[in-house]
Amino acid sequence: MSKYKKQHYVPDSYLKRFVNSSGQIQRYSVTDKKFCDPKKPENCLFEFYYYKQPWVQADPNCFEILMGKDIEAKTKHIIDKLLDGKIDSSEDLHHLAFYLDLQRIRVPRQIDRCINLIKTTQENELNLIGLSTNDFEFDEQKLKIFSIQNTIGFHQSYFLNMHWSIL
């Protein structure tokens, strides 16, 4: 499990695009309003087990493993093509949209937000028909799986219809 201990909330493939001639990133603390010591991309903008999903019965690092093994590598090449103005297939755009969806939902607090939204909606609907939530049991595990299944792909049509430009 230690292989997936350091999990970047900004993918290191992005960070590597901003290194100086020493291969380090110059960091700035907004809180302290001063520059910090430069660091290599692998040593900044990460948290330990940031994407760990403790509720997953198999490997709680499943999202990090999936993203790291395959999806981020392919996305890096698509972003390279995008920066060069050479996106030439709808497959690339679909993959990029899928990646953006996964980036959003792989953070545990996002899944928790989905669960809270589902619970609130169900509570409001039950109240409308005169029932109490005490009459029902919420299965957190099933709600989390449901929220992931229904979130993946939800934003793709929006992402694919955006006008993309390089600034």
Foldseek 3Di string as FASTA:
>chain_A
DVVQFWDALPDLLVVQVQADPVQWHWDADPVVRGTDDTDHSSPDRTHTCQLQQVLDPPGSCVLVCVCVPPLVVLLSVLVVCVVVVNPDDVVSLLSNLLVVLSSQLSGVVSLVVQLVVVVVVVQVVCVVVPHHCVVDDDDSSVSSVVSSVVSRPPCSVVSVPDDDDDD
